[in-house]
Amino acid sequence: MRILALIACGLLLAGCGSSNGDVIQDSDTGSTAISSGSGQRTLGVNSYLWHATLDTLSFMPLASADPFGGVIITDWYSAPQNQDERLKVTVYILDRHLRADGIRVAVFRQTKTGGVWQDADVNPDTATKLTDAILTRARELRLATQAPKS
């Protein structure tokens, strides 16, 4: 019985071995590939836009993030100073290149009236400003990776 337990532990530990996988990044598209013994998986979207979106929305709780499909959905967020209003953001990264038309942002807003959340209009500038913030951050990330190393 003791030998059987030792063999089982040995098999479990052998399965926890370190990976020989490498992370490869293409500077043109910003795509990131993860290489392992079984093959290579590549992000389906531009990694600069992906990381910039996560950075920009980091103050909001995430409901879903699909790096291969390029969709990031936040959960509802209420600013501490205004608990009767909440926002939800969905970002679609549409391209593998860092381009302004490679991203689409949808913002949803609700207000609490009589203890019930109701859909409300969103200022059209909100999505535009959020898109600009994501693109600015993506450019910063790209420049940081292309900076000469000394």
N, C-alpha and C. Protein backbone atom coordinates (compact mmCIF):
# COMPACT_ATOMS: atom_id res chain seq x y z
N MET A 1 0.83 -1.19 0.00
CA MET A 1 0.00 0.00 0.00
C MET A 1 0.87 1.26 0.00
N ARG A 2 1.95 1.20 0.79
CA ARG A 2 2.86 2.34 0.89
C ARG A 2 3.54 2.59 -0.46
N ILE A 3 3.91 1.54 -1.16
CA ILE A 3 4.57 1.69 -2.46
C ILE A 3 3.61 2.28 -3.47
N LEU A 4 2.36 1.86 -3.42
CA LEU A 4 1.35 2.40 -4.33
C LEU A 4 1.17 3.91 -4.12
N ALA A 5 1.17 4.34 -2.85
CA ALA A 5 1.05 5.76 -2.54
C ALA A 5 2.26 6.54 -3.05
N LEU A 6 3.46 5.97 -2.91
CA LEU A 6 4.67 6.62 -3.41
C LEU A 6 4.65 6.75 -4.94
N ILE A 7 4.19 5.73 -5.61
CA ILE A 7 4.11 5.77 -7.07
C ILE A 7 3.10 6.84 -7.51
N ALA A 8 1.96 6.90 -6.83
CA ALA A 8 0.94 7.90 -7.17
C ALA A 8 1.49 9.31 -6.97
N CYS A 9 2.20 9.53 -5.85
CA CYS A 9 2.79 10.86 -5.59
C CYS A 9 3.85 11.19 -6.65
N GLY A 10 4.63 10.19 -7.03
CA GLY A 10 5.65 10.42 -8.05
C GLY A 10 5.04 10.81 -9.39
N LEU A 11 3.96 10.15 -9.77
CA LEU A 11 3.28 10.49 -11.02
C LEU A 11 2.68 11.89 -10.96
N LEU A 12 2.11 12.25 -9.82
CA LEU A 12 1.55 13.59 -9.68
C LEU A 12 2.64 14.66 -9.81
N LEU A 13 3.77 14.42 -9.15
CA LEU A 13 4.86 15.40 -9.22
C LEU A 13 5.46 15.47 -10.62
N ALA A 14 5.53 14.35 -11.31
CA ALA A 14 6.07 14.36 -12.67
C ALA A 14 5.21 15.19 -13.60
N GLY A 15 3.92 15.20 -13.37
CA GLY A 15 3.00 16.00 -14.18
C GLY A 15 3.12 17.49 -13.93
N CYS A 16 3.78 17.87 -12.85
CA CYS A 16 3.92 19.29 -12.50
C CYS A 16 5.24 19.85 -12.98
N GLY A 17 5.91 19.19 -13.91
CA GLY A 17 7.21 19.65 -14.38
C GLY A 17 7.15 21.03 -15.00
N SER A 18 8.30 21.68 -15.08
CA SER A 18 8.34 23.03 -15.65
C SER A 18 8.16 22.97 -17.15
N SER A 19 7.67 24.05 -17.70
CA SER A 19 7.38 24.13 -19.13
C SER A 19 8.60 24.64 -19.88
N ASN A 20 8.79 24.12 -21.06
CA ASN A 20 9.83 24.64 -21.94
C ASN A 20 9.28 25.70 -22.87
N GLY A 21 8.08 26.19 -22.60
CA GLY A 21 7.42 27.14 -23.48
C GLY A 21 8.12 28.48 -23.52
N ASP A 22 8.08 29.10 -24.66
CA ASP A 22 8.64 30.43 -24.86
C ASP A 22 7.51 31.38 -25.23
N VAL A 23 7.69 32.64 -24.87
CA VAL A 23 6.74 33.67 -25.27
C VAL A 23 7.41 34.48 -26.36
N ILE A 24 6.76 34.58 -27.50
CA ILE A 24 7.31 35.25 -28.67
C ILE A 24 6.41 36.41 -29.02
N GLN A 25 7.00 37.59 -29.25
CA GLN A 25 6.17 38.75 -29.60
C GLN A 25 6.61 39.30 -30.95
N ASP A 26 5.64 39.54 -31.82
CA ASP A 26 5.86 40.13 -33.13
C ASP A 26 5.73 41.64 -33.00
N SER A 27 6.79 42.37 -33.31
CA SER A 27 6.75 43.82 -33.10
C SER A 27 5.85 44.55 -34.10
N ASP A 28 5.57 43.96 -35.25
CA ASP A 28 4.70 44.62 -36.22
C ASP A 28 3.24 44.63 -35.77
N THR A 29 2.74 43.48 -35.40
CA THR A 29 1.33 43.40 -35.03
C THR A 29 1.13 43.45 -33.53
N GLY A 30 2.21 43.29 -32.77
CA GLY A 30 2.06 43.26 -31.33
C GLY A 30 1.46 41.96 -30.87
N SER A 31 1.38 40.97 -31.76
CA SER A 31 0.76 39.71 -31.36
C SER A 31 1.73 38.92 -30.49
N THR A 32 1.19 38.21 -29.56
CA THR A 32 1.98 37.41 -28.64
C THR A 32 1.65 35.95 -28.88
N ALA A 33 2.70 35.13 -29.01
CA ALA A 33 2.51 33.69 -29.18
C ALA A 33 3.13 32.98 -28.00
N ILE A 34 2.50 31.92 -27.58
CA ILE A 34 3.01 31.10 -26.49
C ILE A 34 3.33 29.75 -27.10
N SER A 35 4.61 29.39 -27.04
CA SER A 35 5.07 28.17 -27.65
C SER A 35 5.24 27.11 -26.57
N SER A 36 4.79 25.91 -26.86
CA SER A 36 4.98 24.79 -25.95
C SER A 36 5.28 23.56 -26.79
N GLY A 37 5.51 22.45 -26.14
CA GLY A 37 5.82 21.23 -26.86
C GLY A 37 4.71 20.79 -27.78
N SER A 38 3.47 21.15 -27.46
CA SER A 38 2.34 20.69 -28.27
C SER A 38 1.96 21.66 -29.38
N GLY A 39 2.62 22.78 -29.48
CA GLY A 39 2.29 23.72 -30.54
C GLY A 39 2.41 25.15 -30.08
N GLN A 40 1.80 26.04 -30.83
CA GLN A 40 1.90 27.46 -30.55
C GLN A 40 0.52 28.09 -30.64
N ARG A 41 0.17 28.87 -29.60
CA ARG A 41 -1.12 29.59 -29.58
C ARG A 41 -0.81 31.07 -29.67
N THR A 42 -1.50 31.76 -30.54
CA THR A 42 -1.29 33.18 -30.75
C THR A 42 -2.54 33.94 -30.35
N LEU A 43 -2.33 35.09 -29.69
CA LEU A 43 -3.47 35.95 -29.40
C LEU A 43 -4.12 36.32 -30.72
N GLY A 44 -5.42 36.33 -30.75
CA GLY A 44 -6.13 36.64 -31.98
C GLY A 44 -6.21 38.12 -32.27
N VAL A 45 -5.65 38.94 -31.37
CA VAL A 45 -5.77 40.39 -31.49
C VAL A 45 -4.42 41.03 -31.21
N ASN A 46 -4.36 42.32 -31.44
CA ASN A 46 -3.14 43.08 -31.17
C ASN A 46 -2.89 43.12 -29.66
N SER A 47 -1.72 42.67 -29.24
CA SER A 47 -1.45 42.60 -27.80
C SER A 47 -1.30 43.97 -27.17
N TYR A 48 -0.86 44.98 -27.94
CA TYR A 48 -0.77 46.33 -27.38
C TYR A 48 -2.17 46.86 -27.05
N LEU A 49 -3.12 46.65 -27.96
CA LEU A 49 -4.50 47.07 -27.69
C LEU A 49 -5.10 46.27 -26.54
N TRP A 50 -4.79 44.99 -26.50
CA TRP A 50 -5.31 44.13 -25.43
C TRP A 50 -4.84 44.61 -24.06
N HIS A 51 -3.52 44.78 -23.92
CA HIS A 51 -2.96 45.20 -22.63
C HIS A 51 -3.36 46.64 -22.29
N ALA A 52 -3.43 47.49 -23.29
CA ALA A 52 -3.85 48.88 -23.05
C ALA A 52 -5.29 48.93 -22.56
N THR A 53 -6.14 48.09 -23.11
CA THR A 53 -7.53 48.04 -22.66
C THR A 53 -7.61 47.58 -21.21
N LEU A 54 -6.87 46.53 -20.88
CA LEU A 54 -6.87 46.06 -19.49
C LEU A 54 -6.33 47.12 -18.54
N ASP A 55 -5.27 47.83 -18.96
CA ASP A 55 -4.72 48.91 -18.13
C ASP A 55 -5.74 50.03 -17.93
N THR A 56 -6.37 50.44 -19.02
CA THR A 56 -7.31 51.57 -18.97
C THR A 56 -8.54 51.24 -18.14
N LEU A 57 -8.99 50.02 -18.20
CA LEU A 57 -10.20 49.62 -17.47
C LEU A 57 -9.89 48.96 -16.12
N SER A 58 -8.66 49.06 -15.66
CA SER A 58 -8.25 48.34 -14.46
C SER A 58 -9.01 48.76 -13.20
N PHE A 59 -9.63 49.92 -13.20
CA PHE A 59 -10.39 50.37 -12.03
C PHE A 59 -11.77 49.73 -11.97
N MET A 60 -12.18 49.07 -13.05
CA MET A 60 -13.50 48.44 -13.11
C MET A 60 -13.34 46.92 -12.96
N PRO A 61 -14.31 46.26 -12.30
CA PRO A 61 -14.22 44.80 -12.20
C PRO A 61 -14.48 44.15 -13.57
N LEU A 62 -13.72 43.11 -13.88
CA LEU A 62 -13.90 42.41 -15.15
C LEU A 62 -14.93 41.30 -15.01
N ALA A 63 -15.82 41.21 -15.96
CA ALA A 63 -16.78 40.10 -16.01
C ALA A 63 -16.27 39.00 -16.93
N SER A 64 -15.58 39.41 -18.02
CA SER A 64 -15.10 38.45 -19.00
C SER A 64 -13.97 39.07 -19.80
N ALA A 65 -12.97 38.24 -20.12
CA ALA A 65 -11.87 38.69 -20.97
C ALA A 65 -11.43 37.51 -21.84
N ASP A 66 -11.61 37.64 -23.14
CA ASP A 66 -11.27 36.58 -24.08
C ASP A 66 -10.14 37.06 -24.98
N PRO A 67 -8.88 36.67 -24.68
CA PRO A 67 -7.75 37.17 -25.46
C PRO A 67 -7.70 36.63 -26.89
N PHE A 68 -8.36 35.54 -27.16
CA PHE A 68 -8.33 34.97 -28.51
C PHE A 68 -9.45 35.54 -29.37
N GLY A 69 -10.56 35.89 -28.76
CA GLY A 69 -11.67 36.51 -29.49
C GLY A 69 -11.60 38.02 -29.47
N GLY A 70 -10.81 38.59 -28.54
CA GLY A 70 -10.64 40.03 -28.48
C GLY A 70 -11.79 40.79 -27.85
N VAL A 71 -12.46 40.19 -26.88
CA VAL A 71 -13.58 40.86 -26.22
C VAL A 71 -13.30 40.98 -24.73
N ILE A 72 -13.44 42.19 -24.21
CA ILE A 72 -13.30 42.45 -22.78
C ILE A 72 -14.61 43.08 -22.31
N ILE A 73 -15.21 42.48 -21.30
CA ILE A 73 -16.47 42.98 -20.75
C ILE A 73 -16.27 43.24 -19.27
N THR A 74 -16.59 44.45 -18.84
CA THR A 74 -16.51 44.75 -17.41
C THR A 74 -17.84 44.42 -16.76
N ASP A 75 -17.78 44.33 -15.44
CA ASP A 75 -19.01 44.22 -14.67
C ASP A 75 -19.50 45.64 -14.40
N TRP A 76 -20.67 45.79 -13.84
CA TRP A 76 -21.18 47.11 -13.52
C TRP A 76 -20.28 47.77 -12.49
N TYR A 77 -20.01 49.05 -12.68
CA TYR A 77 -19.14 49.81 -11.78
C TYR A 77 -19.83 51.11 -11.39
N SER A 78 -19.85 51.37 -10.08
CA SER A 78 -20.35 52.64 -9.56
C SER A 78 -19.20 53.37 -8.90
N ALA A 79 -19.01 54.63 -9.26
CA ALA A 79 -17.99 55.45 -8.62
C ALA A 79 -18.38 55.66 -7.16
N PRO A 80 -17.41 55.69 -6.25
CA PRO A 80 -17.73 55.84 -4.83
C PRO A 80 -18.55 57.09 -4.52
N GLN A 81 -18.35 58.16 -5.28
CA GLN A 81 -19.06 59.41 -5.01
C GLN A 81 -20.47 59.44 -5.60
N ASN A 82 -20.83 58.45 -6.43
CA ASN A 82 -22.15 58.44 -7.06
C ASN A 82 -22.67 57.01 -7.14
N GLN A 83 -23.25 56.53 -6.07
CA GLN A 83 -23.72 55.15 -6.00
C GLN A 83 -25.05 54.91 -6.73
N ASP A 84 -25.68 55.98 -7.22
CA ASP A 84 -26.96 55.84 -7.94
C ASP A 84 -26.78 55.78 -9.45
N GLU A 85 -25.55 55.65 -9.90
CA GLU A 85 -25.25 55.53 -11.33
C GLU A 85 -24.18 54.46 -11.49
N ARG A 86 -24.32 53.64 -12.51
CA ARG A 86 -23.29 52.63 -12.76
C ARG A 86 -23.07 52.48 -14.26
N LEU A 87 -21.85 52.06 -14.60
CA LEU A 87 -21.44 51.90 -15.99
C LEU A 87 -20.92 50.49 -16.23
N LYS A 88 -21.08 50.05 -17.45
CA LYS A 88 -20.54 48.77 -17.90
C LYS A 88 -19.93 49.02 -19.27
N VAL A 89 -18.77 48.44 -19.53
CA VAL A 89 -18.05 48.69 -20.78
C VAL A 89 -17.75 47.35 -21.47
N THR A 90 -17.95 47.34 -22.78
CA THR A 90 -17.54 46.21 -23.60
C THR A 90 -16.59 46.74 -24.67
N VAL A 91 -15.43 46.11 -24.77
CA VAL A 91 -14.43 46.52 -25.76
C VAL A 91 -14.21 45.36 -26.72
N TYR A 92 -14.30 45.66 -28.00
CA TYR A 92 -14.05 44.69 -29.06
C TYR A 92 -12.75 45.09 -29.76
N ILE A 93 -11.76 44.21 -29.72
CA ILE A 93 -10.52 44.45 -30.45
C ILE A 93 -10.66 43.68 -31.76
N LEU A 94 -10.68 44.41 -32.86
CA LEU A 94 -11.10 43.85 -34.15
C LEU A 94 -9.95 43.49 -35.08
N ASP A 95 -8.73 43.87 -34.74
CA ASP A 95 -7.63 43.73 -35.69
C ASP A 95 -6.38 43.27 -34.97
N ARG A 96 -5.47 42.68 -35.72
CA ARG A 96 -4.18 42.28 -35.15
C ARG A 96 -3.15 43.40 -35.27
N HIS A 97 -3.52 44.49 -35.93
CA HIS A 97 -2.61 45.62 -36.08
C HIS A 97 -3.05 46.75 -35.16
N LEU A 98 -2.10 47.57 -34.78
CA LEU A 98 -2.39 48.72 -33.92
C LEU A 98 -2.92 49.84 -34.80
N ARG A 99 -4.26 49.90 -34.91
CA ARG A 99 -4.92 50.89 -35.75
C ARG A 99 -6.10 51.46 -34.98
N ALA A 100 -6.44 52.71 -35.29
CA ALA A 100 -7.56 53.36 -34.60
C ALA A 100 -8.88 52.66 -34.89
N ASP A 101 -9.03 52.09 -36.08
CA ASP A 101 -10.28 51.40 -36.39
C ASP A 101 -10.26 49.93 -35.98
N GLY A 102 -9.24 49.54 -35.25
CA GLY A 102 -9.13 48.17 -34.78
C GLY A 102 -9.75 47.94 -33.42
N ILE A 103 -10.48 48.93 -32.93
CA ILE A 103 -11.09 48.81 -31.60
C ILE A 103 -12.47 49.47 -31.62
N ARG A 104 -13.41 48.85 -30.92
CA ARG A 104 -14.74 49.43 -30.78
C ARG A 104 -15.15 49.33 -29.31
N VAL A 105 -15.64 50.43 -28.77
CA VAL A 105 -16.01 50.50 -27.36
C VAL A 105 -17.50 50.78 -27.25
N ALA A 106 -18.17 50.02 -26.42
CA ALA A 106 -19.59 50.25 -26.13
C ALA A 106 -19.73 50.49 -24.63
N VAL A 107 -20.39 51.57 -24.26
CA VAL A 107 -20.59 51.93 -22.86
C VAL A 107 -22.08 51.88 -22.55
N PHE A 108 -22.41 51.25 -21.44
CA PHE A 108 -23.80 51.15 -20.99
C PHE A 108 -23.91 51.84 -19.64
N ARG A 109 -25.03 52.50 -19.42
CA ARG A 109 -25.23 53.27 -18.19
C ARG A 109 -26.60 52.96 -17.61
N GLN A 110 -26.64 52.85 -16.29
CA GLN A 110 -27.90 52.69 -15.59
C GLN A 110 -27.94 53.64 -14.41
N THR A 111 -29.13 54.10 -14.09
CA THR A 111 -29.34 54.94 -12.90
C THR A 111 -30.35 54.24 -12.00
N LYS A 112 -30.18 54.47 -10.70
CA LYS A 112 -31.09 53.86 -9.73
C LYS A 112 -32.18 54.86 -9.38
N THR A 113 -33.42 54.46 -9.65
CA THR A 113 -34.58 55.29 -9.34
C THR A 113 -35.54 54.45 -8.50
N GLY A 114 -35.79 54.90 -7.29
CA GLY A 114 -36.70 54.15 -6.42
C GLY A 114 -36.18 52.76 -6.09
N GLY A 115 -34.86 52.61 -6.02
CA GLY A 115 -34.26 51.32 -5.68
C GLY A 115 -34.16 50.34 -6.84
N VAL A 116 -34.52 50.77 -8.05
CA VAL A 116 -34.50 49.90 -9.23
C VAL A 116 -33.55 50.49 -10.27
N TRP A 117 -32.66 49.65 -10.81
CA TRP A 117 -31.75 50.10 -11.86
C TRP A 117 -32.49 50.17 -13.19
N GLN A 118 -32.33 51.32 -13.87
CA GLN A 118 -32.97 51.51 -15.17
C GLN A 118 -31.93 51.98 -16.18
N ASP A 119 -32.06 51.50 -17.42
CA ASP A 119 -31.14 51.92 -18.47
C ASP A 119 -31.27 53.42 -18.69
N ALA A 120 -30.12 54.06 -18.96
CA ALA A 120 -30.10 55.50 -19.18
C ALA A 120 -29.21 55.80 -20.38
N ASP A 121 -29.40 56.98 -20.95
CA ASP A 121 -28.58 57.40 -22.09
C ASP A 121 -27.14 57.62 -21.66
N VAL A 122 -26.24 57.36 -22.60
CA VAL A 122 -24.81 57.58 -22.37
C VAL A 122 -24.37 58.71 -23.27
N ASN A 123 -23.59 59.62 -22.73
CA ASN A 123 -23.01 60.69 -23.53
C ASN A 123 -22.15 60.04 -24.63
N PRO A 124 -22.37 60.36 -25.90
CA PRO A 124 -21.60 59.75 -26.99
C PRO A 124 -20.10 59.98 -26.87
N ASP A 125 -19.70 61.06 -26.22
CA ASP A 125 -18.27 61.34 -26.04
C ASP A 125 -17.59 60.35 -25.10
N THR A 126 -18.36 59.67 -24.27
CA THR A 126 -17.78 58.74 -23.30
C THR A 126 -17.02 57.62 -24.01
N ALA A 127 -17.65 56.97 -24.98
CA ALA A 127 -16.99 55.89 -25.72
C ALA A 127 -15.81 56.41 -26.52
N THR A 128 -15.93 57.60 -27.09
CA THR A 128 -14.84 58.19 -27.86
C THR A 128 -13.64 58.48 -26.97
N LYS A 129 -13.88 59.06 -25.80
CA LYS A 129 -12.79 59.37 -24.87
C LYS A 129 -12.12 58.09 -24.36
N LEU A 130 -12.91 57.07 -24.11
CA LEU A 130 -12.36 55.80 -23.66
C LEU A 130 -11.53 55.15 -24.76
N THR A 131 -12.01 55.21 -25.99
CA THR A 131 -11.25 54.69 -27.13
C THR A 131 -9.92 55.43 -27.27
N ASP A 132 -9.95 56.75 -27.17
CA ASP A 132 -8.72 57.55 -27.27
C ASP A 132 -7.74 57.19 -26.16
N ALA A 133 -8.24 56.98 -24.95
CA ALA A 133 -7.37 56.62 -23.83
C ALA A 133 -6.71 55.26 -24.06
N ILE A 134 -7.46 54.31 -24.59
CA ILE A 134 -6.91 52.98 -24.88
C ILE A 134 -5.86 53.07 -25.98
N LEU A 135 -6.15 53.82 -27.05
CA LEU A 135 -5.19 53.96 -28.15
C LEU A 135 -3.91 54.66 -27.69
N THR A 136 -4.05 55.68 -26.86
CA THR A 136 -2.88 56.38 -26.33
C THR A 136 -2.01 55.44 -25.51
N ARG A 137 -2.64 54.64 -24.66
CA ARG A 137 -1.90 53.69 -23.83
C ARG A 137 -1.24 52.62 -24.70
N ALA A 138 -1.92 52.16 -25.75
CA ALA A 138 -1.35 51.16 -26.65
C ALA A 138 -0.10 51.70 -27.35
N ARG A 139 -0.16 52.96 -27.77
CA ARG A 139 1.02 53.58 -28.40
C ARG A 139 2.18 53.67 -27.41
N GLU A 140 1.87 54.03 -26.16
CA GLU A 140 2.91 54.09 -25.12
C GLU A 140 3.55 52.72 -24.92
N LEU A 141 2.75 51.68 -24.88
CA LEU A 141 3.28 50.33 -24.70
C LEU A 141 4.15 49.92 -25.88
N ARG A 142 3.72 50.26 -27.08
CA ARG A 142 4.51 49.91 -28.27
C ARG A 142 5.85 50.65 -28.27
N LEU A 143 5.82 51.94 -27.95
CA LEU A 143 7.07 52.71 -27.90
C LEU A 143 8.00 52.19 -26.81
N ALA A 144 7.44 51.76 -25.70
CA ALA A 144 8.26 51.24 -24.60
C ALA A 144 8.96 49.94 -24.99
N THR A 145 8.32 49.11 -25.82
CA THR A 145 8.95 47.86 -26.23
C THR A 145 9.95 48.06 -27.36
N GLN A 146 9.82 49.17 -28.08
CA GLN A 146 10.74 49.44 -29.18
C GLN A 146 11.89 50.35 -28.78
N ALA A 147 11.89 50.83 -27.54
CA ALA A 147 12.95 51.72 -27.09
C ALA A 147 14.28 50.96 -27.08
N PRO A 148 15.36 51.64 -27.49
CA PRO A 148 16.66 50.97 -27.48
C PRO A 148 17.07 50.62 -26.06
N LYS A 149 17.58 49.41 -25.90
CA LYS A 149 18.01 48.95 -24.58
C LYS A 149 19.48 49.27 -24.40
N SER A 150 19.79 49.87 -23.25
CA SER A 150 21.20 50.21 -23.02
C SER A 150 21.77 49.42 -21.89
